[in-house]
Amino acid sequence: MSNTLESLRQLASRELGIEEAQLDSHASFADLGLDSLMLVDFMFAVEDHYVIQIDHDAAMKTPTVAGLAALVDELLAAAPEAAHGAAVAA
């Protein structure tokens, strides 16, 4: 299990009130009992935790904790490049 997935599982457990042992990383957000408002709140918590911006449509391509972890990994990997590009452009 990746560090991001493990971290997201802990965050989901805390934010969503689901015991981590009961959290299926591959279950859809709907199957986990999240309604649209809960999902938005969870996405904001993830963005705050990782200091990233998550495109909702991209997150809904694989609407699971595991899918979100993969997206977060992609965003984090791209973040230094974006910061570097901004520094070069300045």
N, C-alpha and C. Protein backbone atom coordinates (compact mmCIF):
# COMPACT_ATOMS: atom_id res chain seq x y z
N MET A 1 0.86 -1.18 0.00
CA MET A 1 0.00 0.00 0.00
C MET A 1 0.90 1.24 0.00
N SER A 2 0.57 2.18 -0.89
CA SER A 2 1.37 3.40 -0.98
C SER A 2 1.17 4.26 0.27
N ASN A 3 2.14 5.12 0.52
CA ASN A 3 2.02 6.04 1.65
C ASN A 3 0.81 6.96 1.47
N THR A 4 0.55 7.37 0.23
CA THR A 4 -0.60 8.25 -0.02
C THR A 4 -1.89 7.52 0.29
N LEU A 5 -2.02 6.29 -0.16
CA LEU A 5 -3.23 5.52 0.10
C LEU A 5 -3.41 5.32 1.60
N GLU A 6 -2.35 4.97 2.28
CA GLU A 6 -2.43 4.79 3.73
C GLU A 6 -2.86 6.08 4.42
N SER A 7 -2.27 7.20 4.01
CA SER A 7 -2.60 8.49 4.58
C SER A 7 -4.05 8.87 4.28
N LEU A 8 -4.51 8.63 3.05
CA LEU A 8 -5.89 8.93 2.70
C LEU A 8 -6.87 8.06 3.46
N ARG A 9 -6.51 6.82 3.70
CA ARG A 9 -7.37 5.93 4.49
C ARG A 9 -7.54 6.49 5.90
N GLN A 10 -6.45 6.97 6.49
CA GLN A 10 -6.52 7.56 7.82
C GLN A 10 -7.37 8.83 7.80
N LEU A 11 -7.16 9.66 6.79
CA LEU A 11 -7.93 10.90 6.66
C LEU A 11 -9.41 10.59 6.45
N ALA A 12 -9.71 9.63 5.59
CA ALA A 12 -11.10 9.25 5.33
C ALA A 12 -11.75 8.71 6.59
N SER A 13 -11.03 7.90 7.33
CA SER A 13 -11.55 7.35 8.57
C SER A 13 -11.93 8.46 9.54
N ARG A 14 -11.04 9.42 9.68
CA ARG A 14 -11.26 10.54 10.60
C ARG A 14 -12.38 11.46 10.09
N GLU A 15 -12.33 11.84 8.81
CA GLU A 15 -13.28 12.80 8.25
C GLU A 15 -14.67 12.21 8.04
N LEU A 16 -14.73 10.93 7.71
CA LEU A 16 -16.00 10.31 7.34
C LEU A 16 -16.60 9.45 8.45
N GLY A 17 -15.84 9.25 9.51
CA GLY A 17 -16.34 8.46 10.62
C GLY A 17 -16.46 6.98 10.30
N ILE A 18 -15.60 6.49 9.44
CA ILE A 18 -15.58 5.07 9.07
C ILE A 18 -14.33 4.46 9.70
N GLU A 19 -14.52 3.36 10.42
CA GLU A 19 -13.36 2.67 10.99
C GLU A 19 -12.41 2.29 9.86
N GLU A 20 -11.12 2.57 10.04
CA GLU A 20 -10.15 2.29 8.99
C GLU A 20 -10.16 0.82 8.59
N ALA A 21 -10.35 -0.06 9.54
CA ALA A 21 -10.40 -1.50 9.24
C ALA A 21 -11.61 -1.85 8.37
N GLN A 22 -12.66 -1.04 8.44
CA GLN A 22 -13.88 -1.29 7.66
C GLN A 22 -13.87 -0.55 6.32
N LEU A 23 -12.85 0.26 6.06
CA LEU A 23 -12.79 1.09 4.87
C LEU A 23 -12.20 0.31 3.70
N ASP A 24 -13.04 0.01 2.71
CA ASP A 24 -12.60 -0.67 1.49
C ASP A 24 -12.08 0.40 0.53
N SER A 25 -10.80 0.40 0.28
CA SER A 25 -10.18 1.42 -0.56
C SER A 25 -10.67 1.38 -2.00
N HIS A 26 -11.25 0.26 -2.40
CA HIS A 26 -11.70 0.10 -3.79
C HIS A 26 -13.21 0.21 -3.92
N ALA A 27 -13.91 0.47 -2.82
CA ALA A 27 -15.36 0.69 -2.87
C ALA A 27 -15.61 2.11 -3.36
N SER A 28 -16.68 2.28 -4.12
CA SER A 28 -17.00 3.63 -4.61
C SER A 28 -17.37 4.52 -3.42
N PHE A 29 -17.25 5.81 -3.62
CA PHE A 29 -17.63 6.75 -2.57
C PHE A 29 -19.10 6.56 -2.20
N ALA A 30 -19.93 6.29 -3.19
CA ALA A 30 -21.35 6.05 -2.93
C ALA A 30 -21.53 4.81 -2.06
N ASP A 31 -20.78 3.75 -2.36
CA ASP A 31 -20.88 2.53 -1.55
C ASP A 31 -20.39 2.74 -0.13
N LEU A 32 -19.52 3.73 0.06
CA LEU A 32 -19.04 4.06 1.40
C LEU A 32 -20.04 4.93 2.15
N GLY A 33 -21.12 5.32 1.45
CA GLY A 33 -22.17 6.10 2.10
C GLY A 33 -22.02 7.60 1.97
N LEU A 34 -21.13 8.06 1.10
CA LEU A 34 -20.93 9.50 0.95
C LEU A 34 -21.99 10.08 0.02
N ASP A 35 -22.64 11.13 0.48
CA ASP A 35 -23.51 11.89 -0.41
C ASP A 35 -22.66 13.00 -1.02
N SER A 36 -23.25 13.81 -1.89
CA SER A 36 -22.46 14.81 -2.61
C SER A 36 -21.82 15.83 -1.67
N LEU A 37 -22.52 16.25 -0.64
CA LEU A 37 -21.96 17.22 0.30
C LEU A 37 -20.79 16.62 1.09
N MET A 38 -20.95 15.39 1.54
CA MET A 38 -19.87 14.72 2.26
C MET A 38 -18.64 14.58 1.36
N LEU A 39 -18.87 14.27 0.09
CA LEU A 39 -17.76 14.10 -0.85
C LEU A 39 -17.03 15.41 -1.06
N VAL A 40 -17.76 16.50 -1.22
CA VAL A 40 -17.14 17.82 -1.38
C VAL A 40 -16.31 18.17 -0.14
N ASP A 41 -16.87 17.95 1.03
CA ASP A 41 -16.14 18.22 2.28
C ASP A 41 -14.87 17.37 2.36
N PHE A 42 -14.98 16.10 1.98
CA PHE A 42 -13.82 15.22 2.02
C PHE A 42 -12.75 15.70 1.03
N MET A 43 -13.17 16.09 -0.16
CA MET A 43 -12.20 16.57 -1.16
C MET A 43 -11.49 17.82 -0.65
N PHE A 44 -12.23 18.73 0.01
CA PHE A 44 -11.60 19.92 0.59
C PHE A 44 -10.57 19.52 1.66
N ALA A 45 -10.91 18.53 2.46
CA ALA A 45 -9.98 18.06 3.50
C ALA A 45 -8.71 17.49 2.86
N VAL A 46 -8.88 16.74 1.77
CA VAL A 46 -7.73 16.17 1.06
C VAL A 46 -6.89 17.29 0.46
N GLU A 47 -7.53 18.27 -0.17
CA GLU A 47 -6.79 19.39 -0.75
C GLU A 47 -6.02 20.15 0.33
N ASP A 48 -6.65 20.39 1.46
CA ASP A 48 -5.97 21.09 2.56
C ASP A 48 -4.80 20.27 3.10
N HIS A 49 -5.01 18.98 3.24
CA HIS A 49 -3.97 18.10 3.79
C HIS A 49 -2.73 18.07 2.89
N TYR A 50 -2.94 17.98 1.58
CA TYR A 50 -1.83 17.84 0.65
C TYR A 50 -1.42 19.16 -0.02
N VAL A 51 -2.18 20.23 0.24
CA VAL A 51 -1.95 21.54 -0.36
C VAL A 51 -1.91 21.41 -1.90
N ILE A 52 -3.00 20.88 -2.43
CA ILE A 52 -3.16 20.70 -3.87
C ILE A 52 -4.57 21.13 -4.25
N GLN A 53 -4.81 21.22 -5.56
CA GLN A 53 -6.13 21.47 -6.11
C GLN A 53 -6.55 20.21 -6.86
N ILE A 54 -7.72 19.69 -6.54
CA ILE A 54 -8.21 18.47 -7.18
C ILE A 54 -9.36 18.84 -8.12
N ASP A 55 -9.24 18.43 -9.37
CA ASP A 55 -10.31 18.61 -10.32
C ASP A 55 -11.38 17.56 -10.03
N HIS A 56 -12.59 18.01 -9.75
CA HIS A 56 -13.67 17.09 -9.36
C HIS A 56 -13.92 16.04 -10.44
N ASP A 57 -13.93 16.45 -11.70
CA ASP A 57 -14.18 15.50 -12.78
C ASP A 57 -13.09 14.43 -12.84
N ALA A 58 -11.86 14.83 -12.64
CA ALA A 58 -10.75 13.86 -12.64
C ALA A 58 -10.89 12.89 -11.48
N ALA A 59 -11.30 13.39 -10.32
CA ALA A 59 -11.47 12.53 -9.15
C ALA A 59 -12.61 11.55 -9.34
N MET A 60 -13.62 11.92 -10.12
CA MET A 60 -14.78 11.05 -10.30
C MET A 60 -14.57 10.00 -11.40
N LYS A 61 -13.42 10.05 -12.09
CA LYS A 61 -13.12 9.00 -13.08
C LYS A 61 -12.91 7.66 -12.39
N THR A 62 -12.33 7.69 -11.21
CA THR A 62 -12.16 6.50 -10.38
C THR A 62 -12.57 6.90 -8.97
N PRO A 63 -13.89 6.90 -8.69
CA PRO A 63 -14.40 7.45 -7.43
C PRO A 63 -14.24 6.51 -6.23
N THR A 64 -12.98 6.24 -5.91
CA THR A 64 -12.66 5.40 -4.76
C THR A 64 -11.50 6.06 -4.01
N VAL A 65 -11.25 5.62 -2.81
CA VAL A 65 -10.11 6.13 -2.05
C VAL A 65 -8.82 5.77 -2.78
N ALA A 66 -8.75 4.56 -3.33
CA ALA A 66 -7.55 4.14 -4.07
C ALA A 66 -7.37 4.99 -5.32
N GLY A 67 -8.45 5.27 -6.03
CA GLY A 67 -8.37 6.12 -7.21
C GLY A 67 -7.95 7.53 -6.86
N LEU A 68 -8.47 8.04 -5.76
CA LEU A 68 -8.11 9.37 -5.30
C LEU A 68 -6.63 9.41 -4.90
N ALA A 69 -6.14 8.35 -4.28
CA ALA A 69 -4.72 8.28 -3.90
C ALA A 69 -3.83 8.35 -5.14
N ALA A 70 -4.23 7.65 -6.20
CA ALA A 70 -3.45 7.68 -7.45
C ALA A 70 -3.45 9.10 -8.04
N LEU A 71 -4.60 9.76 -8.00
CA LEU A 71 -4.69 11.13 -8.51
C LEU A 71 -3.84 12.08 -7.66
N VAL A 72 -3.89 11.94 -6.36
CA VAL A 72 -3.08 12.77 -5.47
C VAL A 72 -1.60 12.55 -5.76
N ASP A 73 -1.19 11.30 -5.96
CA ASP A 73 0.21 11.02 -6.30
C ASP A 73 0.61 11.74 -7.60
N GLU A 74 -0.28 11.71 -8.60
CA GLU A 74 0.00 12.41 -9.87
C GLU A 74 0.16 13.91 -9.64
N LEU A 75 -0.75 14.48 -8.87
CA LEU A 75 -0.71 15.92 -8.61
C LEU A 75 0.54 16.31 -7.83
N LEU A 76 0.91 15.49 -6.86
CA LEU A 76 2.11 15.79 -6.07
C LEU A 76 3.37 15.66 -6.91
N ALA A 77 3.39 14.69 -7.81
CA ALA A 77 4.55 14.51 -8.68
C ALA A 77 4.69 15.69 -9.65
N ALA A 78 3.56 16.25 -10.08
CA ALA A 78 3.58 17.38 -11.01
C ALA A 78 3.85 18.71 -10.31
N ALA A 79 3.60 18.78 -9.01
CA ALA A 79 3.72 20.05 -8.29
C ALA A 79 5.12 20.65 -8.35
N PRO A 80 6.19 19.89 -8.14
CA PRO A 80 7.53 20.51 -8.23
C PRO A 80 7.81 21.04 -9.62
N GLU A 81 7.31 20.36 -10.66
CA GLU A 81 7.52 20.82 -12.03
C GLU A 81 6.82 22.15 -12.24
N ALA A 82 5.59 22.27 -11.73
CA ALA A 82 4.84 23.51 -11.88
C ALA A 82 5.55 24.64 -11.14
N ALA A 83 6.04 24.36 -9.94
CA ALA A 83 6.75 25.39 -9.17
C ALA A 83 8.06 25.77 -9.88
N HIS A 84 8.73 24.77 -10.43
CA HIS A 84 9.97 25.02 -11.15
C HIS A 84 9.70 25.85 -12.40
N GLY A 85 8.64 25.50 -13.12
CA GLY A 85 8.27 26.25 -14.32
C GLY A 85 7.95 27.70 -14.01
N ALA A 86 7.27 27.92 -12.89
CA ALA A 86 6.93 29.29 -12.49
C ALA A 86 8.19 30.07 -12.14
N ALA A 87 9.13 29.40 -11.49
CA ALA A 87 10.37 30.07 -11.12
C ALA A 87 11.19 30.42 -12.37
N VAL A 88 11.18 29.52 -13.36
CA VAL A 88 11.93 29.77 -14.59
C VAL A 88 11.29 30.92 -15.37
N ALA A 89 9.96 30.98 -15.36
CA ALA A 89 9.25 32.02 -16.09
C ALA A 89 9.43 33.39 -15.44
N ALA A 90 9.73 33.42 -14.17
CA ALA A 90 9.84 34.70 -13.45
C ALA A 90 11.10 35.45 -13.77
